[in-house]
Amino acid sequence: MKIFHSRKQFLVFFMPGFLLGIVYVNFIARKYMAEPGIFSDFFLDQFQSVSIDAKEYIWYLLRLRAVPFLALAGLSLTKAGKVSAVLFLVWTGISAGILISAAVLNLGIKGSILCLVGLFPQFLLYIPAYVVLLWYCYTVPQTHWNRQKTIFVSLAMSVGILLEIYINPIIVKAFLSVL
């Protein structure tokens, strides 16, 4: 099959996970989704009034963004590179399906828009960095890591983290004020 020789194959692994996340929220965890959570009006109102301390937030984001990236990079150097890339894509799909389904269940279409706003603009840089790393993990005997890839993924992840610290909270608060 031609799809298994291109980057489109990532969707073959991501989409079943995404569907599994949606099924999980709608059929298995539906009673838990009815409880107040991050998509409740109370939490969203609290978020609007909180001020984010960038010095503390950066350490949180480094653990949240850099640790999985570095773990995947480390696994790419082992024989488990291809398997770890596939598992990462499936897990990312499950997580996205759960997040979007929970948002839609609690807020309707506004919840799905809130999810997109919450990912913008940093994911415009995270996604290409992860695609480069995942492609390398998936094709490690045939491809080689080089300086350009290192510079690209390092710069993309670094600028993405900075955007998530300083720009994303402003965008989310602006969206919530209109919500």
C-alpha atoms as a PDB file:
ATOM      1  CA  MET A   1       0.000   0.000   0.000  1.00  0.00           C
ATOM      2  CA  LYS A   2       1.340   3.378  -1.036  1.00  0.00           C
ATOM      3  CA  ILE A   3       0.085   5.170   2.109  1.00  0.00           C
ATOM      4  CA  PHE A   4       2.588   3.288   4.291  1.00  0.00           C
ATOM      5  CA  HIS A   5       5.461   4.948   2.437  1.00  0.00           C
ATOM      6  CA  SER A   6       4.514   8.555   3.142  1.00  0.00           C
ATOM      7  CA  ARG A   7       3.877  10.821   6.093  1.00  0.00           C
ATOM      8  CA  LYS A   8       0.138  10.339   5.524  1.00  0.00           C
ATOM      9  CA  GLN A   9       0.539   7.032   7.318  1.00  0.00           C
ATOM     10  CA  PHE A  10       0.701   8.982  10.564  1.00  0.00           C
ATOM     11  CA  LEU A  11      -3.037   9.573  10.140  1.00  0.00           C
ATOM     12  CA  VAL A  12      -3.509   5.798   9.906  1.00  0.00           C
ATOM     13  CA  PHE A  13      -2.210   5.549  13.478  1.00  0.00           C
ATOM     14  CA  PHE A  14      -3.591   8.845  14.838  1.00  0.00           C
ATOM     15  CA  MET A  15      -7.189   8.560  13.624  1.00  0.00           C
ATOM     16  CA  PRO A  16      -8.067   5.182  15.226  1.00  0.00           C
ATOM     17  CA  GLY A  17      -6.753   6.565  18.518  1.00  0.00           C
ATOM     18  CA  PHE A  18      -8.838   9.704  18.010  1.00  0.00           C
ATOM     19  CA  LEU A  19     -11.934   7.589  17.369  1.00  0.00           C
ATOM     20  CA  LEU A  20     -11.156   5.463  20.430  1.00  0.00           C
ATOM     21  CA  GLY A  21     -10.949   8.638  22.562  1.00  0.00           C
ATOM     22  CA  ILE A  22     -14.331   9.805  21.281  1.00  0.00           C
ATOM     23  CA  VAL A  23     -15.896   6.393  21.922  1.00  0.00           C
ATOM     24  CA  TYR A  24     -14.382   6.316  25.414  1.00  0.00           C
ATOM     25  CA  VAL A  25     -15.871   9.681  26.381  1.00  0.00           C
ATOM     26  CA  ASN A  26     -19.276   9.058  24.835  1.00  0.00           C
ATOM     27  CA  PHE A  27     -19.875   5.491  25.937  1.00  0.00           C
ATOM     28  CA  ILE A  28     -17.551   4.524  28.777  1.00  0.00           C
ATOM     29  CA  ALA A  29     -16.802   7.692  30.761  1.00  0.00           C
ATOM     30  CA  ARG A  30     -19.965   9.650  30.028  1.00  0.00           C
ATOM     31  CA  LYS A  31     -21.010   9.825  33.698  1.00  0.00           C
ATOM     32  CA  TYR A  32     -17.588  11.249  34.657  1.00  0.00           C
ATOM     33  CA  MET A  33     -17.799  13.881  31.947  1.00  0.00           C
ATOM     34  CA  ALA A  34     -21.010  15.248  33.490  1.00  0.00           C
ATOM     35  CA  GLU A  35     -19.094  16.280  36.623  1.00  0.00           C
ATOM     36  CA  PRO A  36     -17.598  19.781  36.753  1.00  0.00           C
ATOM     37  CA  GLY A  37     -14.123  19.937  35.262  1.00  0.00           C
ATOM     38  CA  ILE A  38     -11.877  22.199  33.267  1.00  0.00           C
ATOM     39  CA  PHE A  39     -14.699  23.010  30.877  1.00  0.00           C
ATOM     40  CA  SER A  40     -17.084  24.199  33.595  1.00  0.00           C
ATOM     41  CA  ASP A  41     -18.172  27.831  33.736  1.00  0.00           C
ATOM     42  CA  PHE A  42     -16.568  28.199  37.170  1.00  0.00           C
ATOM     43  CA  PHE A  43     -13.140  27.059  35.963  1.00  0.00           C
ATOM     44  CA  LEU A  44     -13.287  29.176  32.823  1.00  0.00           C
ATOM     45  CA  ASP A  45     -14.255  32.253  34.867  1.00  0.00           C
ATOM     46  CA  GLN A  46     -11.362  31.578  37.254  1.00  0.00           C
ATOM     47  CA  PHE A  47      -8.942  31.307  34.324  1.00  0.00           C
ATOM     48  CA  GLN A  48      -9.917  34.745  33.092  1.00  0.00           C
ATOM     49  CA  SER A  49      -8.998  36.380  36.385  1.00  0.00           C
ATOM     50  CA  VAL A  50      -5.765  34.511  37.110  1.00  0.00           C
ATOM     51  CA  SER A  51      -2.374  35.975  36.284  1.00  0.00           C
ATOM     52  CA  ILE A  52       0.207  33.536  34.986  1.00  0.00           C
ATOM     53  CA  ASP A  53       3.684  33.608  36.482  1.00  0.00           C
ATOM     54  CA  ALA A  54       5.944  32.993  33.475  1.00  0.00           C
ATOM     55  CA  LYS A  55       8.868  31.825  35.634  1.00  0.00           C
ATOM     56  CA  GLU A  56       6.807  29.011  37.155  1.00  0.00           C
ATOM     57  CA  TYR A  57       4.905  28.254  33.980  1.00  0.00           C
ATOM     58  CA  ILE A  58       8.070  27.681  31.956  1.00  0.00           C
ATOM     59  CA  TRP A  59       9.147  24.814  34.242  1.00  0.00           C
ATOM     60  CA  TYR A  60       5.712  23.263  33.961  1.00  0.00           C
ATOM     61  CA  LEU A  61       5.801  23.542  30.163  1.00  0.00           C
ATOM     62  CA  LEU A  62       9.310  22.148  29.936  1.00  0.00           C
ATOM     63  CA  ARG A  63       8.150  19.039  31.814  1.00  0.00           C
ATOM     64  CA  LEU A  64       4.997  18.833  29.732  1.00  0.00           C
ATOM     65  CA  ARG A  65       6.504  19.485  26.287  1.00  0.00           C
ATOM     66  CA  ALA A  66      10.234  18.756  26.390  1.00  0.00           C
ATOM     67  CA  VAL A  67      10.263  15.550  28.445  1.00  0.00           C
ATOM     68  CA  PRO A  68       8.018  13.551  26.049  1.00  0.00           C
ATOM     69  CA  PHE A  69       9.885  14.992  23.081  1.00  0.00           C
ATOM     70  CA  LEU A  70      13.262  14.017  24.529  1.00  0.00           C
ATOM     71  CA  ALA A  71      11.957  10.582  25.547  1.00  0.00           C
ATOM     72  CA  LEU A  72      10.757   9.990  21.991  1.00  0.00           C
ATOM     73  CA  ALA A  73      14.093  11.243  20.669  1.00  0.00           C
ATOM     74  CA  GLY A  74      15.908   8.839  22.986  1.00  0.00           C
ATOM     75  CA  LEU A  75      13.697   5.940  21.922  1.00  0.00           C
ATOM     76  CA  SER A  76      14.430   6.763  18.291  1.00  0.00           C
ATOM     77  CA  LEU A  77      18.018   5.698  18.942  1.00  0.00           C
ATOM     78  CA  THR A  78      16.902   2.206  19.965  1.00  0.00           C
ATOM     79  CA  LYS A  79      15.223  -0.638  18.131  1.00  0.00           C
ATOM     80  CA  ALA A  80      11.939   0.515  19.683  1.00  0.00           C
ATOM     81  CA  GLY A  81      11.884   3.681  17.561  1.00  0.00           C
ATOM     82  CA  LYS A  82       9.198   2.579  15.115  1.00  0.00           C
ATOM     83  CA  VAL A  83       7.002   1.069  17.831  1.00  0.00           C
ATOM     84  CA  SER A  84       7.371   4.162  20.026  1.00  0.00           C
ATOM     85  CA  ALA A  85       6.387   6.422  17.104  1.00  0.00           C
ATOM     86  CA  VAL A  86       3.256   4.349  16.452  1.00  0.00           C
ATOM     87  CA  LEU A  87       2.331   4.230  20.160  1.00  0.00           C
ATOM     88  CA  PHE A  88       2.912   7.980  20.456  1.00  0.00           C
ATOM     89  CA  LEU A  89       0.575   8.664  17.525  1.00  0.00           C
ATOM     90  CA  VAL A  90      -2.131   6.356  18.885  1.00  0.00           C
ATOM     91  CA  TRP A  91      -1.851   7.893  22.363  1.00  0.00           C
ATOM     92  CA  THR A  92      -1.944  11.417  20.919  1.00  0.00           C
ATOM     93  CA  GLY A  93      -5.079  10.483  18.974  1.00  0.00           C
ATOM     94  CA  ILE A  94      -6.745   9.071  22.102  1.00  0.00           C
ATOM     95  CA  SER A  95      -5.863  12.199  24.077  1.00  0.00           C
ATOM     96  CA  ALA A  96      -7.162  14.515  21.356  1.00  0.00           C
ATOM     97  CA  GLY A  97     -10.390  12.533  21.054  1.00  0.00           C
ATOM     98  CA  ILE A  98     -10.972  12.658  24.811  1.00  0.00           C
ATOM     99  CA  LEU A  99     -10.175  16.377  25.039  1.00  0.00           C
ATOM    100  CA  ILE A 100     -12.363  17.463  22.158  1.00  0.00           C
ATOM    101  CA  SER A 101     -15.239  15.166  23.153  1.00  0.00           C
ATOM    102  CA  ALA A 102     -15.175  16.416  26.746  1.00  0.00           C
ATOM    103  CA  ALA A 103     -15.130  20.013  25.536  1.00  0.00           C
ATOM    104  CA  VAL A 104     -18.055  19.460  23.182  1.00  0.00           C
ATOM    105  CA  LEU A 105     -20.078  17.598  25.829  1.00  0.00           C
ATOM    106  CA  ASN A 106     -19.695  20.466  28.298  1.00  0.00           C
ATOM    107  CA  LEU A 107     -19.672  23.536  26.060  1.00  0.00           C
ATOM    108  CA  GLY A 108     -21.020  22.432  22.688  1.00  0.00           C
ATOM    109  CA  ILE A 109     -19.396  23.859  19.581  1.00  0.00           C
ATOM    110  CA  LYS A 110     -17.783  26.566  21.730  1.00  0.00           C
ATOM    111  CA  GLY A 111     -15.814  23.785  23.418  1.00  0.00           C
ATOM    112  CA  SER A 112     -14.280  22.587  20.170  1.00  0.00           C
ATOM    113  CA  ILE A 113     -13.382  26.169  19.253  1.00  0.00           C
ATOM    114  CA  LEU A 114     -11.864  26.626  22.731  1.00  0.00           C
ATOM    115  CA  CYS A 115      -9.689  23.557  22.108  1.00  0.00           C
ATOM    116  CA  LEU A 116      -8.432  25.045  18.843  1.00  0.00           C
ATOM    117  CA  VAL A 117      -7.802  28.418  20.475  1.00  0.00           C
ATOM    118  CA  GLY A 118      -5.927  26.664  23.303  1.00  0.00           C
ATOM    119  CA  LEU A 119      -3.574  25.037  20.792  1.00  0.00           C
ATOM    120  CA  PHE A 120      -2.872  28.215  18.844  1.00  0.00           C
ATOM    121  CA  PRO A 121      -0.191  29.467  17.977  1.00  0.00           C
ATOM    122  CA  GLN A 122       2.294  27.087  19.625  1.00  0.00           C
ATOM    123  CA  PHE A 123       1.042  23.933  17.919  1.00  0.00           C
ATOM    124  CA  LEU A 124       1.882  25.496  14.554  1.00  0.00           C
ATOM    125  CA  LEU A 125       5.469  24.871  15.651  1.00  0.00           C
ATOM    126  CA  TYR A 126       5.079  21.742  17.800  1.00  0.00           C
ATOM    127  CA  ILE A 127       3.423  19.708  15.058  1.00  0.00           C
ATOM    128  CA  PRO A 128       6.186  20.135  12.434  1.00  0.00           C
ATOM    129  CA  ALA A 129       8.855  19.433  15.069  1.00  0.00           C
ATOM    130  CA  TYR A 130       7.101  16.240  16.122  1.00  0.00           C
ATOM    131  CA  VAL A 131       6.505  15.206  12.500  1.00  0.00           C
ATOM    132  CA  VAL A 132      10.240  15.463  11.814  1.00  0.00           C
ATOM    133  CA  LEU A 133      11.070  13.434  14.913  1.00  0.00           C
ATOM    134  CA  LEU A 134       8.316  10.865  14.334  1.00  0.00           C
ATOM    135  CA  TRP A 135       9.343  10.420  10.716  1.00  0.00           C
ATOM    136  CA  TYR A 136      12.897   9.813  11.835  1.00  0.00           C
ATOM    137  CA  CYS A 137      11.717   7.323  14.502  1.00  0.00           C
ATOM    138  CA  TYR A 138       9.587   5.526  11.960  1.00  0.00           C
ATOM    139  CA  THR A 139      12.243   5.309   9.246  1.00  0.00           C
ATOM    140  CA  VAL A 140      15.411   5.220  11.366  1.00  0.00           C
ATOM    141  CA  PRO A 141      17.459   2.666   9.409  1.00  0.00           C
ATOM    142  CA  GLN A 142      16.789   4.439   6.098  1.00  0.00           C
ATOM    143  CA  THR A 143      17.129   8.046   7.289  1.00  0.00           C
ATOM    144  CA  HIS A 144      19.804   9.832   9.244  1.00  0.00           C
ATOM    145  CA  TRP A 145      19.610  12.628  11.765  1.00  0.00           C
ATOM    146  CA  ASN A 146      21.542  15.749  10.834  1.00  0.00           C
ATOM    147  CA  ARG A 147      22.328  19.224  12.109  1.00  0.00           C
ATOM    148  CA  GLN A 148      19.502  20.871  10.156  1.00  0.00           C
ATOM    149  CA  LYS A 149      16.928  18.628  11.825  1.00  0.00           C
ATOM    150  CA  THR A 150      18.422  19.341  15.236  1.00  0.00           C
ATOM    151  CA  ILE A 151      18.330  23.086  14.672  1.00  0.00           C
ATOM    152  CA  PHE A 152      14.802  22.973  13.249  1.00  0.00           C
ATOM    153  CA  VAL A 153      13.235  20.884  16.022  1.00  0.00           C
ATOM    154  CA  SER A 154      15.117  22.726  18.773  1.00  0.00           C
ATOM    155  CA  LEU A 155      14.092  26.109  17.435  1.00  0.00           C
ATOM    156  CA  ALA A 156      10.492  25.039  16.772  1.00  0.00           C
ATOM    157  CA  MET A 157      10.053  23.569  20.251  1.00  0.00           C
ATOM    158  CA  SER A 158      11.739  26.552  21.948  1.00  0.00           C
ATOM    159  CA  VAL A 159       9.713  29.181  20.101  1.00  0.00           C
ATOM    160  CA  GLY A 160       6.566  27.077  20.618  1.00  0.00           C
ATOM    161  CA  ILE A 161       7.148  27.039  24.378  1.00  0.00           C
ATOM    162  CA  LEU A 162       7.712  30.808  24.401  1.00  0.00           C
ATOM    163  CA  LEU A 163       4.502  31.349  22.435  1.00  0.00           C
ATOM    164  CA  GLU A 164       2.640  29.094  24.838  1.00  0.00           C
ATOM    165  CA  ILE A 165       3.922  31.080  27.811  1.00  0.00           C
ATOM    166  CA  TYR A 166       3.388  34.616  26.587  1.00  0.00           C
ATOM    167  CA  ILE A 167       0.924  34.649  23.659  1.00  0.00           C
ATOM    168  CA  ASN A 168      -1.462  31.728  24.196  1.00  0.00           C
ATOM    169  CA  PRO A 169      -2.872  32.894  27.571  1.00  0.00           C
ATOM    170  CA  ILE A 170      -3.730  36.257  26.018  1.00  0.00           C
ATOM    171  CA  ILE A 171      -5.523  34.584  23.097  1.00  0.00           C
ATOM    172  CA  VAL A 172      -7.422  32.175  25.367  1.00  0.00           C
ATOM    173  CA  LYS A 173      -8.469  34.962  27.755  1.00  0.00           C
ATOM    174  CA  ALA A 174      -9.646  37.065  24.803  1.00  0.00           C
ATOM    175  CA  PHE A 175     -11.699  34.130  23.495  1.00  0.00           C
ATOM    176  CA  LEU A 176     -13.168  33.426  26.943  1.00  0.00           C
ATOM    177  CA  SER A 177     -14.187  37.063  27.348  1.00  0.00           C
ATOM    178  CA  VAL A 178     -16.341  36.745  24.222  1.00  0.00           C
ATOM    179  CA  LEU A 179     -17.623  33.290  25.215  1.00  0.00           C
END
